[in-house]
Amino acid sequence: MKNKKQYILAILVGELFFIFFVLGQNANLFKSNVYINLAGIILGTLLLYSFVITLISSSKINYNLVGLGYARAYIIFTATFFISIFVKQFLFKKETISPKSIIEKEQLEFTSNFKACNTLKYGTFLVDDRDTIIRYTENNKELETLITNGKSIIYTIKWIDSCTYIRVNRTSKVVASKVKLGNINELFHNLYISPVGFHEINNEQVLNSIKIK
């Protein structure tokens, strides 16, 4: 019975030594936490107490058992560490919220001013230094001509508000896209163009535009 108690104490010394060693190695991480510091003091006291009792109750310490206790604590600590990471990553994984627009995805600033938008409803605009947009009225209809790579497409447009309008295909009557004006200053403004209905964010565009006429 005495030998069994000595074995248990020797293993306990090894386990407590490992825990105390880990706390000591990471003291900077725990220095602001009163409870962990208190736990470290208690563990250190228990370690010394167990070590003294082992010395008193045995003429010779079985260092193999102390090493066994240290190794067992190391294995338990390592296994617990990786299990906790697995649980955190896979079982308690936070639901990621997908961005709703390219503006949100790219964290772009886009603001609209209804009064400023009224000055940009009609005219000729150069977009991204390559395309041309012409918005005008004809026979009481609001139209837009989009010139890209020398090819022209004419849309019927319908204003939703002072800064937002939709492009409607003149032949099929299908809504082609929605356009919103924003970030308006003295020279430039932005066009936020997106397909109507369900679509991929990659199909959206934020373009630079300048009124040239």
N, C-alpha and C. Protein backbone atom coordinates (compact mmCIF):
# COMPACT_ATOMS: atom_id res chain seq x y z
N MET A 1 0.83 -1.21 0.00
CA MET A 1 0.00 0.00 0.00
C MET A 1 0.87 1.26 0.00
N LYS A 2 1.99 1.15 0.83
CA LYS A 2 2.89 2.28 0.90
C LYS A 2 3.54 2.56 -0.44
N ASN A 3 3.94 1.47 -1.13
CA ASN A 3 4.56 1.63 -2.45
C ASN A 3 3.59 2.25 -3.44
N LYS A 4 2.33 1.84 -3.37
CA LYS A 4 1.31 2.38 -4.28
C LYS A 4 1.15 3.88 -4.07
N LYS A 5 1.14 4.30 -2.79
CA LYS A 5 1.02 5.71 -2.48
C LYS A 5 2.22 6.48 -3.00
N GLN A 6 3.40 5.90 -2.87
CA GLN A 6 4.61 6.54 -3.36
C GLN A 6 4.59 6.68 -4.88
N TYR A 7 4.08 5.64 -5.55
CA TYR A 7 3.97 5.71 -7.01
C TYR A 7 3.03 6.84 -7.43
N ILE A 8 1.88 6.93 -6.75
CA ILE A 8 0.89 7.96 -7.09
C ILE A 8 1.46 9.35 -6.86
N LEU A 9 2.17 9.52 -5.73
CA LEU A 9 2.77 10.82 -5.44
C LEU A 9 3.83 11.19 -6.47
N ALA A 10 4.64 10.20 -6.88
CA ALA A 10 5.68 10.47 -7.87
C ALA A 10 5.07 10.91 -9.20
N ILE A 11 4.01 10.22 -9.62
CA ILE A 11 3.33 10.60 -10.87
C ILE A 11 2.70 11.97 -10.74
N LEU A 12 2.10 12.25 -9.56
CA LEU A 12 1.47 13.55 -9.32
C LEU A 12 2.50 14.67 -9.38
N VAL A 13 3.68 14.41 -8.84
CA VAL A 13 4.75 15.41 -8.90
C VAL A 13 5.08 15.73 -10.36
N GLY A 14 5.19 14.70 -11.19
CA GLY A 14 5.47 14.91 -12.61
C GLY A 14 4.39 15.71 -13.30
N GLU A 15 3.13 15.40 -13.01
CA GLU A 15 2.01 16.11 -13.64
C GLU A 15 1.97 17.57 -13.20
N LEU A 16 2.10 17.79 -11.90
CA LEU A 16 2.08 19.16 -11.39
C LEU A 16 3.26 19.97 -11.92
N PHE A 17 4.41 19.31 -12.04
CA PHE A 17 5.58 20.00 -12.57
C PHE A 17 5.34 20.47 -14.01
N PHE A 18 4.70 19.62 -14.81
CA PHE A 18 4.42 20.01 -16.20
C PHE A 18 3.47 21.20 -16.25
N ILE A 19 2.39 21.15 -15.46
CA ILE A 19 1.40 22.24 -15.46
C ILE A 19 2.06 23.54 -15.00
N PHE A 20 2.84 23.44 -13.93
CA PHE A 20 3.52 24.63 -13.40
C PHE A 20 4.52 25.17 -14.42
N PHE A 21 5.17 24.28 -15.15
CA PHE A 21 6.14 24.68 -16.17
C PHE A 21 5.44 25.42 -17.31
N VAL A 22 4.28 24.91 -17.76
CA VAL A 22 3.52 25.56 -18.84
C VAL A 22 3.07 26.95 -18.41
N LEU A 23 2.56 27.08 -17.18
CA LEU A 23 2.14 28.39 -16.69
C LEU A 23 3.31 29.35 -16.62
N GLY A 24 4.48 28.85 -16.20
CA GLY A 24 5.66 29.70 -16.13
C GLY A 24 6.12 30.17 -17.48
N GLN A 25 6.07 29.28 -18.48
CA GLN A 25 6.50 29.63 -19.83
C GLN A 25 5.59 30.66 -20.48
N ASN A 26 4.34 30.69 -20.05
CA ASN A 26 3.35 31.61 -20.64
C ASN A 26 2.88 32.66 -19.63
N ALA A 27 3.78 33.03 -18.74
CA ALA A 27 3.41 33.97 -17.68
C ALA A 27 2.94 35.31 -18.24
N ASN A 28 3.54 35.76 -19.34
CA ASN A 28 3.17 37.05 -19.92
C ASN A 28 1.72 37.07 -20.41
N LEU A 29 1.23 35.91 -20.82
CA LEU A 29 -0.15 35.83 -21.31
C LEU A 29 -1.14 35.88 -20.17
N PHE A 30 -0.72 35.45 -19.00
CA PHE A 30 -1.65 35.31 -17.88
C PHE A 30 -1.44 36.37 -16.80
N LYS A 31 -0.47 37.28 -16.98
CA LYS A 31 -0.13 38.18 -15.90
C LYS A 31 -1.28 39.11 -15.51
N SER A 32 -2.19 39.39 -16.45
CA SER A 32 -3.30 40.28 -16.14
C SER A 32 -4.52 39.55 -15.61
N ASN A 33 -4.46 38.21 -15.56
CA ASN A 33 -5.60 37.42 -15.09
C ASN A 33 -5.33 36.96 -13.65
N VAL A 34 -6.07 37.53 -12.72
CA VAL A 34 -5.86 37.23 -11.31
C VAL A 34 -6.11 35.77 -10.99
N TYR A 35 -7.17 35.19 -11.60
CA TYR A 35 -7.56 33.82 -11.29
C TYR A 35 -6.51 32.82 -11.75
N ILE A 36 -5.93 33.04 -12.94
CA ILE A 36 -4.90 32.13 -13.43
C ILE A 36 -3.64 32.25 -12.59
N ASN A 37 -3.30 33.48 -12.18
CA ASN A 37 -2.14 33.66 -11.30
C ASN A 37 -2.35 32.94 -9.97
N LEU A 38 -3.57 33.03 -9.45
CA LEU A 38 -3.89 32.35 -8.19
C LEU A 38 -3.80 30.84 -8.36
N ALA A 39 -4.29 30.34 -9.51
CA ALA A 39 -4.22 28.90 -9.79
C ALA A 39 -2.76 28.46 -9.88
N GLY A 40 -1.90 29.31 -10.47
CA GLY A 40 -0.49 28.98 -10.58
C GLY A 40 0.19 28.88 -9.22
N ILE A 41 -0.18 29.80 -8.33
CA ILE A 41 0.38 29.76 -6.97
C ILE A 41 -0.05 28.48 -6.24
N ILE A 42 -1.34 28.13 -6.39
CA ILE A 42 -1.86 26.91 -5.74
C ILE A 42 -1.17 25.67 -6.30
N LEU A 43 -1.02 25.62 -7.63
CA LEU A 43 -0.36 24.46 -8.25
C LEU A 43 1.10 24.37 -7.81
N GLY A 44 1.77 25.52 -7.72
CA GLY A 44 3.15 25.51 -7.25
C GLY A 44 3.27 25.02 -5.83
N THR A 45 2.32 25.43 -4.99
CA THR A 45 2.31 24.97 -3.59
C THR A 45 2.08 23.46 -3.52
N LEU A 46 1.11 22.97 -4.32
CA LEU A 46 0.84 21.53 -4.34
C LEU A 46 2.04 20.74 -4.85
N LEU A 47 2.74 21.32 -5.85
CA LEU A 47 3.92 20.66 -6.39
C LEU A 47 4.99 20.49 -5.30
N LEU A 48 5.26 21.58 -4.58
CA LEU A 48 6.26 21.51 -3.51
C LEU A 48 5.82 20.56 -2.40
N TYR A 49 4.52 20.63 -2.06
CA TYR A 49 3.99 19.76 -0.99
C TYR A 49 4.13 18.29 -1.39
N SER A 50 3.74 17.95 -2.63
CA SER A 50 3.82 16.57 -3.10
C SER A 50 5.27 16.10 -3.15
N PHE A 51 6.16 17.03 -3.57
CA PHE A 51 7.58 16.68 -3.66
C PHE A 51 8.17 16.39 -2.28
N VAL A 52 7.78 17.23 -1.30
CA VAL A 52 8.27 17.03 0.07
C VAL A 52 7.73 15.74 0.65
N ILE A 53 6.43 15.48 0.46
CA ILE A 53 5.82 14.25 0.99
C ILE A 53 6.49 13.03 0.37
N THR A 54 6.79 13.12 -0.93
CA THR A 54 7.45 12.00 -1.60
C THR A 54 8.84 11.76 -1.00
N LEU A 55 9.56 12.83 -0.71
CA LEU A 55 10.89 12.69 -0.11
C LEU A 55 10.81 12.08 1.29
N ILE A 56 9.79 12.52 2.06
CA ILE A 56 9.65 12.03 3.44
C ILE A 56 9.25 10.57 3.48
N SER A 57 8.30 10.20 2.59
CA SER A 57 7.75 8.85 2.63
C SER A 57 8.60 7.84 1.89
N SER A 58 9.63 8.30 1.17
CA SER A 58 10.46 7.37 0.40
C SER A 58 11.92 7.78 0.53
N SER A 59 12.75 6.78 0.67
CA SER A 59 14.18 7.07 0.77
C SER A 59 14.76 7.47 -0.58
N LYS A 60 14.06 7.16 -1.62
CA LYS A 60 14.55 7.46 -2.96
C LYS A 60 13.36 7.73 -3.89
N ILE A 61 13.45 8.82 -4.62
CA ILE A 61 12.37 9.17 -5.56
C ILE A 61 12.53 8.34 -6.82
N ASN A 62 11.40 7.80 -7.28
CA ASN A 62 11.41 7.07 -8.53
C ASN A 62 11.22 8.09 -9.66
N TYR A 63 12.35 8.51 -10.22
CA TYR A 63 12.29 9.56 -11.25
C TYR A 63 11.63 9.07 -12.52
N ASN A 64 11.62 7.76 -12.72
CA ASN A 64 10.91 7.22 -13.89
C ASN A 64 9.42 7.50 -13.79
N LEU A 65 8.88 7.36 -12.56
CA LEU A 65 7.46 7.64 -12.35
C LEU A 65 7.17 9.14 -12.46
N VAL A 66 8.12 9.95 -11.97
CA VAL A 66 7.96 11.40 -12.13
C VAL A 66 7.93 11.76 -13.62
N GLY A 67 8.82 11.14 -14.37
CA GLY A 67 8.83 11.36 -15.82
C GLY A 67 7.56 10.87 -16.48
N LEU A 68 7.03 9.75 -15.97
CA LEU A 68 5.77 9.22 -16.50
C LEU A 68 4.63 10.19 -16.26
N GLY A 69 4.60 10.78 -15.06
CA GLY A 69 3.56 11.77 -14.75
C GLY A 69 3.67 12.98 -15.64
N TYR A 70 4.91 13.43 -15.86
CA TYR A 70 5.15 14.59 -16.74
C TYR A 70 4.69 14.28 -18.16
N ALA A 71 5.05 13.08 -18.65
CA ALA A 71 4.68 12.69 -20.01
C ALA A 71 3.17 12.55 -20.14
N ARG A 72 2.53 12.00 -19.12
CA ARG A 72 1.07 11.82 -19.19
C ARG A 72 0.36 13.18 -19.22
N ALA A 73 0.85 14.13 -18.40
CA ALA A 73 0.26 15.47 -18.41
C ALA A 73 0.48 16.14 -19.76
N TYR A 74 1.64 15.93 -20.36
CA TYR A 74 1.95 16.51 -21.67
C TYR A 74 0.99 15.96 -22.73
N ILE A 75 0.77 14.65 -22.71
CA ILE A 75 -0.12 14.02 -23.70
C ILE A 75 -1.55 14.53 -23.52
N ILE A 76 -2.01 14.60 -22.28
CA ILE A 76 -3.38 15.06 -22.01
C ILE A 76 -3.54 16.52 -22.45
N PHE A 77 -2.53 17.34 -22.12
CA PHE A 77 -2.59 18.76 -22.49
C PHE A 77 -2.61 18.93 -24.01
N THR A 78 -1.73 18.20 -24.71
CA THR A 78 -1.66 18.31 -26.17
C THR A 78 -2.96 17.85 -26.82
N ALA A 79 -3.49 16.71 -26.34
CA ALA A 79 -4.74 16.19 -26.90
C ALA A 79 -5.89 17.15 -26.66
N THR A 80 -5.95 17.71 -25.45
CA THR A 80 -7.02 18.66 -25.12
C THR A 80 -6.91 19.92 -25.97
N PHE A 81 -5.68 20.37 -26.20
CA PHE A 81 -5.45 21.57 -27.00
C PHE A 81 -5.98 21.39 -28.43
N PHE A 82 -5.61 20.27 -29.07
CA PHE A 82 -6.04 20.05 -30.45
C PHE A 82 -7.53 19.75 -30.55
N ILE A 83 -8.07 19.08 -29.56
CA ILE A 83 -9.52 18.81 -29.55
C ILE A 83 -10.29 20.12 -29.42
N SER A 84 -9.81 21.02 -28.56
CA SER A 84 -10.49 22.30 -28.39
C SER A 84 -10.45 23.12 -29.67
N ILE A 85 -9.32 23.07 -30.40
CA ILE A 85 -9.23 23.77 -31.68
C ILE A 85 -10.23 23.19 -32.68
N PHE A 86 -10.32 21.85 -32.71
CA PHE A 86 -11.26 21.19 -33.63
C PHE A 86 -12.70 21.59 -33.30
N VAL A 87 -13.03 21.58 -32.02
CA VAL A 87 -14.39 21.93 -31.60
C VAL A 87 -14.71 23.37 -31.98
N LYS A 88 -13.73 24.26 -31.75
CA LYS A 88 -13.96 25.67 -32.05
C LYS A 88 -14.11 25.90 -33.54
N GLN A 89 -13.28 25.24 -34.36
CA GLN A 89 -13.27 25.48 -35.80
C GLN A 89 -14.47 24.86 -36.51
N PHE A 90 -14.89 23.67 -36.08
CA PHE A 90 -15.89 22.93 -36.83
C PHE A 90 -17.26 22.85 -36.17
N LEU A 91 -17.28 22.80 -34.85
CA LEU A 91 -18.57 22.67 -34.18
C LEU A 91 -19.15 24.01 -33.78
N PHE A 92 -18.30 25.01 -33.53
CA PHE A 92 -18.79 26.32 -33.14
C PHE A 92 -18.34 27.37 -34.14
N LYS A 93 -18.27 26.99 -35.38
CA LYS A 93 -17.85 27.90 -36.43
C LYS A 93 -18.90 28.98 -36.65
N LYS A 94 -18.45 30.23 -36.62
CA LYS A 94 -19.37 31.34 -36.83
C LYS A 94 -19.86 31.38 -38.26
N GLU A 95 -21.13 31.66 -38.39
CA GLU A 95 -21.71 31.75 -39.73
C GLU A 95 -21.22 33.03 -40.41
N THR A 96 -20.61 32.86 -41.55
CA THR A 96 -20.12 34.01 -42.30
C THR A 96 -21.26 34.62 -43.11
N ILE A 97 -21.33 35.93 -43.07
CA ILE A 97 -22.38 36.64 -43.80
C ILE A 97 -21.81 37.10 -45.14
N SER A 98 -22.40 36.64 -46.21
CA SER A 98 -21.92 36.99 -47.54
C SER A 98 -22.28 38.44 -47.86
N PRO A 99 -21.39 39.16 -48.52
CA PRO A 99 -21.69 40.55 -48.90
C PRO A 99 -22.86 40.58 -49.88
N LYS A 100 -23.65 41.63 -49.80
CA LYS A 100 -24.85 41.74 -50.63
C LYS A 100 -24.59 42.48 -51.94
N SER A 101 -23.46 43.15 -52.05
CA SER A 101 -23.16 43.90 -53.27
C SER A 101 -21.66 44.04 -53.40
N ILE A 102 -21.23 44.46 -54.59
CA ILE A 102 -19.81 44.68 -54.80
C ILE A 102 -19.30 45.86 -53.96
N ILE A 103 -20.20 46.78 -53.66
CA ILE A 103 -19.83 47.92 -52.81
C ILE A 103 -19.48 47.42 -51.41
N GLU A 104 -20.30 46.50 -50.90
CA GLU A 104 -20.05 45.94 -49.58
C GLU A 104 -18.84 45.02 -49.61
N LYS A 105 -18.70 44.25 -50.67
CA LYS A 105 -17.58 43.30 -50.78
C LYS A 105 -16.24 44.04 -50.84
N GLU A 106 -16.18 45.09 -51.66
CA GLU A 106 -14.93 45.83 -51.84
C GLU A 106 -14.79 46.97 -50.82
N GLN A 107 -15.80 47.10 -49.95
CA GLN A 107 -15.81 48.15 -48.92
C GLN A 107 -15.61 49.53 -49.54
N LEU A 108 -16.42 49.79 -50.58
CA LEU A 108 -16.35 51.06 -51.27
C LEU A 108 -17.32 52.06 -50.63
N GLU A 109 -16.96 53.31 -50.72
CA GLU A 109 -17.86 54.36 -50.26
C GLU A 109 -18.75 54.78 -51.43
N PHE A 110 -20.06 54.76 -51.19
CA PHE A 110 -20.97 55.15 -52.27
C PHE A 110 -22.16 55.88 -51.64
N THR A 111 -22.22 57.18 -51.87
CA THR A 111 -23.30 58.00 -51.34
C THR A 111 -23.97 58.76 -52.47
N SER A 112 -25.26 58.99 -52.31
CA SER A 112 -26.03 59.69 -53.34
C SER A 112 -26.62 60.97 -52.78
N ASN A 113 -26.72 61.95 -53.65
CA ASN A 113 -27.31 63.24 -53.30
C ASN A 113 -28.37 63.55 -54.35
N PHE A 114 -29.64 63.50 -53.93
CA PHE A 114 -30.73 63.66 -54.89
C PHE A 114 -30.67 64.99 -55.64
N LYS A 115 -30.29 66.05 -54.96
CA LYS A 115 -30.24 67.36 -55.61
C LYS A 115 -29.14 67.38 -56.67
N ALA A 116 -27.98 66.79 -56.35
CA ALA A 116 -26.88 66.74 -57.31
C ALA A 116 -27.22 65.81 -58.47
N CYS A 117 -27.94 64.75 -58.20
CA CYS A 117 -28.29 63.79 -59.26
C CYS A 117 -29.15 64.43 -60.33
N ASN A 118 -29.99 65.39 -59.94
CA ASN A 118 -30.88 66.04 -60.91
C ASN A 118 -30.10 66.75 -62.01
N THR A 119 -28.87 67.17 -61.72
CA THR A 119 -28.06 67.87 -62.72
C THR A 119 -27.39 66.88 -63.68
N LEU A 120 -27.49 65.58 -63.39
CA LEU A 120 -26.83 64.57 -64.22
C LEU A 120 -27.82 63.65 -64.94
N LYS A 121 -29.09 63.98 -64.89
CA LYS A 121 -30.07 63.10 -65.51
C LYS A 121 -29.88 63.01 -67.02
N TYR A 122 -29.55 64.11 -67.66
CA TYR A 122 -29.42 64.12 -69.11
C TYR A 122 -28.07 64.72 -69.51
N GLY A 123 -27.56 64.25 -70.65
CA GLY A 123 -26.29 64.76 -71.15
C GLY A 123 -25.44 63.63 -71.71
N THR A 124 -24.22 63.97 -72.06
CA THR A 124 -23.28 62.99 -72.61
C THR A 124 -22.17 62.77 -71.58
N PHE A 125 -21.86 61.51 -71.33
CA PHE A 125 -20.93 61.15 -70.26
C PHE A 125 -19.88 60.18 -70.78
N LEU A 126 -18.64 60.41 -70.37
CA LEU A 126 -17.55 59.49 -70.68
C LEU A 126 -17.35 58.58 -69.47
N VAL A 127 -17.40 57.27 -69.74
CA VAL A 127 -17.33 56.29 -68.64
C VAL A 127 -16.04 55.49 -68.73
N ASP A 128 -15.25 55.56 -67.66
CA ASP A 128 -13.98 54.83 -67.57
C ASP A 128 -13.07 55.11 -68.78
N ASP A 129 -13.17 56.32 -69.31
CA ASP A 129 -12.31 56.77 -70.42
C ASP A 129 -12.42 55.90 -71.67
N ARG A 130 -13.54 55.16 -71.82
CA ARG A 130 -13.65 54.32 -73.03
C ARG A 130 -15.07 54.27 -73.59
N ASP A 131 -16.06 54.22 -72.73
CA ASP A 131 -17.45 54.12 -73.18
C ASP A 131 -18.13 55.48 -73.09
N THR A 132 -19.21 55.61 -73.85
CA THR A 132 -19.98 56.86 -73.83
C THR A 132 -21.45 56.55 -73.53
N ILE A 133 -22.02 57.33 -72.65
CA ILE A 133 -23.44 57.22 -72.32
C ILE A 133 -24.10 58.56 -72.66
N ILE A 134 -25.21 58.47 -73.40
CA ILE A 134 -25.98 59.67 -73.73
C ILE A 134 -27.41 59.46 -73.24
N ARG A 135 -27.84 60.28 -72.30
CA ARG A 135 -29.23 60.21 -71.80
C ARG A 135 -29.99 61.44 -72.30
N TYR A 136 -31.17 61.20 -72.84
CA TYR A 136 -31.93 62.28 -73.48
C TYR A 136 -33.41 61.89 -73.56
N THR A 137 -34.23 62.81 -73.99
CA THR A 137 -35.65 62.54 -74.22
C THR A 137 -35.96 62.68 -75.71
N GLU A 138 -36.88 61.82 -76.16
CA GLU A 138 -37.28 61.84 -77.57
C GLU A 138 -38.71 61.34 -77.67
N ASN A 139 -39.58 62.16 -78.26
CA ASN A 139 -41.00 61.81 -78.39
C ASN A 139 -41.60 61.44 -77.02
N ASN A 140 -41.29 62.28 -76.03
CA ASN A 140 -41.80 62.10 -74.66
C ASN A 140 -41.33 60.80 -74.01
N LYS A 141 -40.25 60.21 -74.53
CA LYS A 141 -39.67 59.01 -73.93
C LYS A 141 -38.24 59.31 -73.49
N GLU A 142 -37.89 58.76 -72.36
CA GLU A 142 -36.53 58.93 -71.86
C GLU A 142 -35.68 57.77 -72.36
N LEU A 143 -34.59 58.11 -73.01
CA LEU A 143 -33.75 57.10 -73.65
C LEU A 143 -32.30 57.23 -73.20
N GLU A 144 -31.57 56.16 -73.42
CA GLU A 144 -30.13 56.17 -73.16
C GLU A 144 -29.42 55.40 -74.26
N THR A 145 -28.41 56.02 -74.82
CA THR A 145 -27.58 55.35 -75.82
C THR A 145 -26.24 55.00 -75.17
N LEU A 146 -25.92 53.72 -75.21
CA LEU A 146 -24.65 53.24 -74.66
C LEU A 146 -23.74 52.87 -75.82
N ILE A 147 -22.62 53.55 -75.93
CA ILE A 147 -21.67 53.30 -77.02
C ILE A 147 -20.44 52.61 -76.44
N THR A 148 -20.24 51.34 -76.85
CA THR A 148 -19.11 50.54 -76.36
C THR A 148 -18.38 49.93 -77.54
N ASN A 149 -17.11 50.20 -77.62
CA ASN A 149 -16.27 49.67 -78.71
C ASN A 149 -16.88 49.98 -80.08
N GLY A 150 -17.43 51.17 -80.23
CA GLY A 150 -17.99 51.60 -81.50
C GLY A 150 -19.38 51.08 -81.78
N LYS A 151 -19.93 50.24 -80.88
CA LYS A 151 -21.28 49.70 -81.08
C LYS A 151 -22.25 50.42 -80.15
N SER A 152 -23.44 50.73 -80.69
CA SER A 152 -24.44 51.48 -79.92
C SER A 152 -25.62 50.61 -79.54
N ILE A 153 -26.07 50.76 -78.32
CA ILE A 153 -27.29 50.10 -77.83
C ILE A 153 -28.17 51.19 -77.24
N ILE A 154 -29.43 51.20 -77.65
CA ILE A 154 -30.36 52.21 -77.14
C ILE A 154 -31.34 51.52 -76.18
N TYR A 155 -31.45 52.08 -74.98
CA TYR A 155 -32.38 51.58 -73.97
C TYR A 155 -33.44 52.62 -73.69
N THR A 156 -34.61 52.13 -73.33
CA THR A 156 -35.59 52.99 -72.69
C THR A 156 -35.25 53.00 -71.20
N ILE A 157 -35.26 54.17 -70.59
CA ILE A 157 -34.92 54.22 -69.18
C ILE A 157 -36.11 54.73 -68.37
N LYS A 158 -36.21 54.23 -67.14
CA LYS A 158 -37.26 54.65 -66.22
C LYS A 158 -36.62 54.98 -64.89
N TRP A 159 -36.82 56.21 -64.45
CA TRP A 159 -36.22 56.65 -63.20
C TRP A 159 -37.03 56.15 -62.01
N ILE A 160 -36.35 55.50 -61.10
CA ILE A 160 -36.99 55.04 -59.86
C ILE A 160 -37.01 56.17 -58.84
N ASP A 161 -35.89 56.90 -58.77
CA ASP A 161 -35.81 58.12 -57.97
C ASP A 161 -34.81 59.03 -58.66
N SER A 162 -34.44 60.12 -58.03
CA SER A 162 -33.58 61.10 -58.69
C SER A 162 -32.20 60.55 -59.04
N CYS A 163 -31.77 59.50 -58.36
CA CYS A 163 -30.42 58.97 -58.58
C CYS A 163 -30.41 57.57 -59.19
N THR A 164 -31.56 56.94 -59.35
CA THR A 164 -31.59 55.54 -59.79
C THR A 164 -32.55 55.35 -60.95
N TYR A 165 -32.09 54.62 -61.95
CA TYR A 165 -32.97 54.30 -63.08
C TYR A 165 -32.69 52.88 -63.56
N ILE A 166 -33.64 52.35 -64.34
CA ILE A 166 -33.47 51.02 -64.91
C ILE A 166 -33.41 51.13 -66.43
N ARG A 167 -32.62 50.24 -67.03
CA ARG A 167 -32.52 50.16 -68.48
C ARG A 167 -33.44 49.05 -68.98
N VAL A 168 -34.26 49.37 -69.95
CA VAL A 168 -35.19 48.39 -70.50
C VAL A 168 -34.87 48.19 -71.98
N ASN A 169 -34.70 46.94 -72.38
CA ASN A 169 -34.45 46.63 -73.78
C ASN A 169 -35.65 47.05 -74.62
N ARG A 170 -35.43 47.83 -75.67
CA ARG A 170 -36.53 48.38 -76.45
C ARG A 170 -37.27 47.32 -77.26
N THR A 171 -36.59 46.22 -77.56
CA THR A 171 -37.22 45.17 -78.36
C THR A 171 -37.96 44.16 -77.50
N SER A 172 -37.24 43.59 -76.54
CA SER A 172 -37.83 42.53 -75.72
C SER A 172 -38.61 43.07 -74.52
N LYS A 173 -38.41 44.34 -74.21
CA LYS A 173 -39.04 44.98 -73.04
C LYS A 173 -38.54 44.39 -71.72
N VAL A 174 -37.43 43.68 -71.78
CA VAL A 174 -36.85 43.08 -70.57
C VAL A 174 -35.92 44.09 -69.90
N VAL A 175 -36.01 44.14 -68.59
CA VAL A 175 -35.12 45.04 -67.84
C VAL A 175 -33.70 44.51 -67.92
N ALA A 176 -32.79 45.33 -68.42
CA ALA A 176 -31.40 44.90 -68.62
C ALA A 176 -30.56 45.09 -67.36
N SER A 177 -30.70 46.24 -66.71
CA SER A 177 -29.89 46.50 -65.53
C SER A 177 -30.43 47.71 -64.77
N LYS A 178 -29.88 47.90 -63.60
CA LYS A 178 -30.23 49.07 -62.78
C LYS A 178 -28.98 49.91 -62.60
N VAL A 179 -29.14 51.22 -62.69
CA VAL A 179 -27.99 52.14 -62.59
C VAL A 179 -28.27 53.15 -61.48
N LYS A 180 -27.27 53.35 -60.63
CA LYS A 180 -27.41 54.33 -59.55
C LYS A 180 -26.24 55.31 -59.60
N LEU A 181 -26.55 56.62 -59.50
CA LEU A 181 -25.53 57.66 -59.50
C LEU A 181 -25.11 57.96 -58.07
N GLY A 182 -23.82 58.19 -57.88
CA GLY A 182 -23.36 58.50 -56.53
C GLY A 182 -21.97 59.09 -56.52
N ASN A 183 -21.52 59.49 -55.32
CA ASN A 183 -20.19 60.09 -55.14
C ASN A 183 -19.97 61.24 -56.12
N ILE A 184 -20.91 62.15 -56.14
CA ILE A 184 -20.89 63.23 -57.13
C ILE A 184 -20.06 64.41 -56.61
N ASN A 185 -19.10 64.85 -57.43
CA ASN A 185 -18.36 66.08 -57.12
C ASN A 185 -18.39 66.98 -58.35
N GLU A 186 -17.55 67.99 -58.36
CA GLU A 186 -17.61 68.96 -59.46
C GLU A 186 -17.27 68.36 -60.81
N LEU A 187 -16.40 67.34 -60.84
CA LEU A 187 -15.97 66.78 -62.12
C LEU A 187 -16.50 65.37 -62.36
N PHE A 188 -16.32 64.51 -61.39
CA PHE A 188 -16.61 63.10 -61.58
C PHE A 188 -17.81 62.64 -60.74
N HIS A 189 -18.33 61.50 -61.13
CA HIS A 189 -19.29 60.78 -60.30
C HIS A 189 -19.17 59.29 -60.63
N ASN A 190 -19.77 58.46 -59.82
CA ASN A 190 -19.71 57.01 -60.02
C ASN A 190 -21.06 56.47 -60.48
N LEU A 191 -20.98 55.39 -61.22
CA LEU A 191 -22.17 54.65 -61.63
C LEU A 191 -22.08 53.25 -61.01
N TYR A 192 -23.08 52.90 -60.23
CA TYR A 192 -23.17 51.55 -59.69
C TYR A 192 -24.19 50.80 -60.54
N ILE A 193 -23.69 49.85 -61.35
CA ILE A 193 -24.53 49.14 -62.31
C ILE A 193 -24.68 47.68 -61.87
N SER A 194 -25.91 47.23 -61.80
CA SER A 194 -26.15 45.84 -61.37
C SER A 194 -27.32 45.25 -62.14
N PRO A 195 -27.25 43.94 -62.44
CA PRO A 195 -28.40 43.28 -63.06
C PRO A 195 -29.59 43.30 -62.10
N VAL A 196 -30.77 43.24 -62.63
CA VAL A 196 -31.98 43.21 -61.80
C VAL A 196 -32.30 41.77 -61.45
N GLY A 197 -32.70 41.53 -60.20
CA GLY A 197 -33.03 40.17 -59.77
C GLY A 197 -31.80 39.44 -59.26
N PHE A 198 -31.92 38.12 -59.14
CA PHE A 198 -30.83 37.32 -58.61
C PHE A 198 -29.65 37.32 -59.58
N HIS A 199 -28.45 37.57 -59.03
CA HIS A 199 -27.26 37.62 -59.87
C HIS A 199 -26.02 37.46 -59.00
N GLU A 200 -24.92 37.22 -59.65
CA GLU A 200 -23.64 37.13 -58.96
C GLU A 200 -23.08 38.54 -58.74
N ILE A 201 -22.39 38.70 -57.61
CA ILE A 201 -21.79 40.00 -57.30
C ILE A 201 -20.78 40.40 -58.37
N ASN A 202 -20.11 39.41 -58.95
CA ASN A 202 -19.11 39.70 -59.99
C ASN A 202 -19.71 40.34 -61.23
N ASN A 203 -21.04 40.26 -61.38
CA ASN A 203 -21.71 40.87 -62.53
C ASN A 203 -22.01 42.36 -62.29
N GLU A 204 -21.71 42.84 -61.09
CA GLU A 204 -21.94 44.25 -60.78
C GLU A 204 -20.70 45.07 -61.14
N GLN A 205 -20.90 46.35 -61.31
CA GLN A 205 -19.79 47.25 -61.66
C GLN A 205 -19.95 48.59 -60.94
N VAL A 206 -18.83 49.17 -60.57
CA VAL A 206 -18.79 50.55 -60.10
C VAL A 206 -17.82 51.28 -61.02
N LEU A 207 -18.35 52.19 -61.84
CA LEU A 207 -17.56 52.84 -62.88
C LEU A 207 -17.41 54.33 -62.61
N ASN A 208 -16.35 54.91 -63.15
CA ASN A 208 -16.12 56.35 -63.05
C ASN A 208 -16.73 57.03 -64.28
N SER A 209 -17.38 58.15 -64.04
CA SER A 209 -18.05 58.85 -65.14
C SER A 209 -17.82 60.36 -65.02
N ILE A 210 -17.75 61.02 -66.16
CA ILE A 210 -17.60 62.46 -66.20
C ILE A 210 -18.53 63.03 -67.27
N LYS A 211 -19.21 64.12 -66.96
CA LYS A 211 -20.10 64.73 -67.93
C LYS A 211 -19.30 65.61 -68.87
N ILE A 212 -19.40 65.32 -70.17
CA ILE A 212 -18.63 66.08 -71.15
C ILE A 212 -19.49 67.03 -71.98
N LYS A 213 -20.82 66.88 -71.85
CA LYS A 213 -21.71 67.78 -72.60
C LYS A 213 -23.07 67.83 -71.97
